[in-house]
Structure formats: C-alpha cells, structure tokens
Amino acid sequence: MTLPTVTLRPYLPADAEAVAEIFREAVMTLTGEDYSQTQQEAWAASADNEAAFGKQLEGYLTLIASIDGEPAGFASLKDGTHVEMLYVHPASANMGVGGALIDALEKLAGARGAKDLTVDASETALLFFEARGYEPQKRNTVIRNGEWLSNTTMKKTLGEAPPRKAHS
C-alpha cells in the first residue's frame, strides 16, 4: 500500500477548531484499549474550549500535518526540548502522519541546539515513541478534569538512530 503524501505547515490561529477536533477524535477513538471511557472523556474535554486550546498551541512550536489539504494531525514542541502534544485523526492513523510530525519536531529541535527530546507518552503512544528510539525514564500520573491518567516520560538523544531489533 502506498501511503498518501503528508504535508506540514506551521499552526495558525484559524486552525484551533480543526486541531481541537483532531485531539478529541484521537483521544476518544484511539485510546480505548488503554484508558476507560471516563478517563477518555476527561482527557478529551481539555479541548472543549477551542479558543483556549488554540491559544495554548500558539505558545508552542506547533505543526499541522495535512493529507490532500485536510488537517490530519498536529504536534507541538514546548521549550525546544519537549514534545507537548502529538495527535493524529483516527481516519489518518497508520498513514505516516505521526512519523512525519515527530521527524519534523526532532529536526527543528536539533537545529535549535537541543541535544535530547522528551515526551510524556500516553499508554497508547508508547510503542510509537519506542520505535523511534525514545527510552522510558519514569512513570507518571496526571489529573485531567478530575480523572487520573497514567503516562511515561520518554527521552531520545537526538542524532542517534533508533536501536535495531535483534534477529534470531
């Protein structure tokens, strides 16, 4: 199967509604094996105030990924060294959107002098980041709208290739 072409561009304030929708859909559709419905609803509610959600993204280096001109995902880099958010719309999952976004953030962070990149990965995103060379550092519990959710802080030294899997 040939993957569609993913294009990247900077986040614009006019994108707030689209990214809030991507965020909510990704949380509600893709995380069900790892989080309860109550946890998903509390997490997704973080984007209910689209203006505030968009304002938060303006404070980071945020990229929008599109397929055929339609927003398919977004990712944000905080303080040049931390992946604050990376979400892909369920309709665009497994089409290279997440990979294109993380590759771009890593290049931008490296070009700005970062030696390492960290992320607080959800249970759902752990394997995605591990496959890209991020290593677990510590487990966390965060509160979102009154619900406890677990995640893992992961770290990658930039400029290193992901570890190769041993063949037996």
Protein backbone atom coordinates (compact mmCIF):
# COMPACT_ATOMS: atom_id res chain seq x y z
CA MET A 1 0.00 0.00 0.00
CA THR A 2 1.31 3.42 -0.94
CA LEU A 3 0.99 5.98 1.82
CA PRO A 4 -0.52 9.37 0.94
CA THR A 5 1.67 12.45 0.82
CA VAL A 6 1.76 14.24 4.16
CA THR A 7 2.49 17.97 4.06
CA LEU A 8 3.49 20.03 7.09
CA ARG A 9 2.99 23.71 7.87
CA PRO A 10 3.02 25.97 10.92
CA TYR A 11 -0.06 26.20 13.11
CA LEU A 12 -2.28 29.24 12.52
CA PRO A 13 -4.93 30.61 14.92
CA ALA A 14 -7.59 29.68 12.34
CA ASP A 15 -6.64 26.00 12.92
CA ALA A 16 -7.98 25.96 16.51
CA GLU A 17 -11.29 24.28 15.67
CA ALA A 18 -9.68 21.62 13.43
CA VAL A 19 -6.94 20.69 15.90
CA ALA A 20 -9.41 20.54 18.80
CA GLU A 21 -11.48 18.12 16.73
CA ILE A 22 -8.41 16.02 15.86
CA PHE A 23 -7.46 15.94 19.56
CA ARG A 24 -10.93 14.87 20.72
CA GLU A 25 -11.37 12.24 17.98
CA ALA A 26 -7.90 10.78 18.58
CA VAL A 27 -8.44 10.50 22.33
CA MET A 28 -11.96 9.07 22.08
CA THR A 29 -11.25 6.65 19.22
CA LEU A 30 -7.63 5.52 19.55
CA THR A 31 -7.05 5.19 23.31
CA GLY A 32 -9.90 2.87 24.34
CA GLU A 33 -7.67 -0.16 24.93
CA ASP A 34 -5.54 1.78 27.43
CA TYR A 35 -7.95 4.16 29.20
CA SER A 36 -11.52 3.90 30.49
CA GLN A 37 -14.33 5.84 28.84
CA THR A 38 -14.46 8.18 31.85
CA GLN A 39 -10.71 8.84 31.50
CA GLN A 40 -11.08 9.39 27.75
CA GLU A 41 -13.92 11.87 28.24
CA ALA A 42 -11.98 13.81 30.88
CA TRP A 43 -8.90 13.90 28.63
CA ALA A 44 -10.84 14.91 25.50
CA ALA A 45 -12.60 17.69 27.44
CA SER A 46 -9.25 19.51 27.57
CA ALA A 47 -10.12 20.80 24.07
CA ASP A 48 -13.75 21.75 24.74
CA ASN A 49 -12.80 25.42 24.97
CA GLU A 50 -11.38 25.60 21.45
CA ALA A 51 -10.18 29.20 21.81
CA ALA A 52 -8.18 28.38 24.95
CA PHE A 53 -6.87 25.16 23.39
CA GLY A 54 -5.75 27.09 20.30
CA LYS A 55 -4.13 29.79 22.44
CA GLN A 56 -2.15 27.09 24.25
CA LEU A 57 -0.87 25.74 20.91
CA GLU A 58 0.18 29.24 19.84
CA GLY A 59 2.58 29.24 22.80
CA TYR A 60 4.46 26.26 21.36
CA LEU A 61 6.12 25.48 18.05
CA THR A 62 3.11 23.68 16.56
CA LEU A 63 2.94 21.96 13.19
CA ILE A 64 -0.14 20.87 11.27
CA ALA A 65 0.04 17.75 9.08
CA SER A 66 -2.33 17.58 6.11
CA ILE A 67 -3.32 14.95 3.58
CA ASP A 68 -4.87 16.33 0.40
CA GLY A 69 -5.14 19.75 2.05
CA GLU A 70 -7.15 18.46 5.02
CA PRO A 71 -5.69 18.61 8.56
CA ALA A 72 -4.82 15.05 9.61
CA GLY A 73 -2.72 15.63 12.74
CA PHE A 74 -0.68 18.10 14.75
CA ALA A 75 2.31 18.18 17.06
CA SER A 76 3.76 20.78 19.43
CA LEU A 77 7.27 21.38 20.73
CA LYS A 78 7.49 23.12 24.12
CA ASP A 79 10.63 24.97 25.22
CA GLY A 80 12.54 23.48 22.28
CA THR A 81 13.07 20.15 24.04
CA HIS A 82 9.69 18.60 24.93
CA VAL A 83 7.05 17.10 22.65
CA GLU A 84 3.99 18.57 24.34
CA MET A 85 1.38 17.08 22.00
CA LEU A 86 1.22 14.74 19.03
CA TYR A 87 -2.23 13.67 17.84
CA VAL A 88 -3.42 12.09 14.59
CA HIS A 89 -7.03 11.93 13.44
CA PRO A 90 -8.24 8.31 13.52
CA ALA A 91 -9.10 8.45 9.79
CA SER A 92 -5.41 9.18 9.11
CA ALA A 93 -3.90 6.70 11.58
CA ASN A 94 -1.13 4.46 10.20
CA MET A 95 -0.63 6.70 7.16
CA GLY A 96 2.70 8.23 8.20
CA VAL A 97 1.24 11.38 9.76
CA GLY A 98 2.66 10.80 13.25
CA GLY A 99 6.05 9.83 11.83
CA ALA A 100 6.22 12.93 9.65
CA LEU A 101 5.33 15.13 12.62
CA ILE A 102 7.85 13.63 15.07
CA ASP A 103 10.61 13.62 12.42
CA ALA A 104 9.99 17.33 11.81
CA LEU A 105 9.95 18.20 15.52
CA GLU A 106 13.21 16.29 16.06
CA LYS A 107 14.88 18.14 13.17
CA LEU A 108 13.63 21.52 14.37
CA ALA A 109 14.70 20.84 17.96
CA GLY A 110 18.14 19.66 16.82
CA ALA A 111 18.58 22.68 14.56
CA ARG A 112 17.83 24.90 17.56
CA GLY A 113 20.51 23.24 19.66
CA ALA A 114 18.57 20.60 21.60
CA LYS A 115 20.61 17.50 22.46
CA ASP A 116 17.66 15.49 23.80
CA LEU A 117 13.93 15.44 23.28
CA THR A 118 11.42 14.28 25.90
CA VAL A 119 7.75 13.35 25.73
CA ASP A 120 5.15 12.28 28.28
CA ALA A 121 3.73 9.45 26.18
CA SER A 122 0.29 8.01 26.78
CA GLU A 123 -0.04 4.26 27.16
CA THR A 124 -1.36 4.26 23.57
CA ALA A 125 1.68 6.12 22.19
CA LEU A 126 4.44 4.17 24.00
CA LEU A 127 5.22 1.78 21.14
CA PHE A 128 5.16 4.63 18.59
CA PHE A 129 7.86 6.51 20.50
CA GLU A 130 9.88 3.40 21.40
CA ALA A 131 10.08 2.50 17.70
CA ARG A 132 11.65 5.92 17.12
CA GLY A 133 14.37 5.49 19.73
CA TYR A 134 12.71 7.07 22.77
CA GLU A 135 13.53 5.31 26.03
CA PRO A 136 11.25 5.20 29.09
CA GLN A 137 12.55 7.31 32.01
CA LYS A 138 9.73 7.33 34.58
CA ARG A 139 6.03 6.62 35.03
CA ASN A 140 3.66 9.49 35.80
CA THR A 141 0.10 10.05 36.89
CA VAL A 142 -1.67 13.24 35.83
CA ILE A 143 -5.13 14.61 36.56
CA ARG A 144 -7.33 15.68 33.65
CA ASN A 145 -10.70 17.12 34.61
CA GLY A 146 -10.79 15.14 37.85
CA GLU A 147 -9.62 11.82 36.36
CA TRP A 148 -6.23 10.19 36.93
CA LEU A 149 -4.36 9.13 33.77
CA SER A 150 -1.00 7.41 33.52
CA ASN A 151 1.78 8.18 31.06
CA THR A 152 5.51 7.63 30.70
CA THR A 153 8.23 10.24 30.36
CA MET A 154 10.48 9.13 27.50
CA LYS A 155 13.73 10.59 26.21
CA LYS A 156 15.67 10.43 22.97
CA THR A 157 19.17 11.67 22.32
CA LEU A 158 18.94 13.50 19.01
CA GLY A 159 21.21 12.39 16.21
CA GLU A 160 21.11 8.74 17.24
CA ALA A 161 19.44 6.13 15.07
CA PRO A 162 16.74 4.04 16.73
CA PRO A 163 18.10 0.76 18.09
CA ARG A 164 17.91 -2.12 15.67
CA LYS A 165 15.88 -5.11 16.73
CA ALA A 166 17.97 -8.28 17.10
CA HIS A 167 17.21 -11.02 14.61
CA SER A 168 17.23 -14.56 15.90
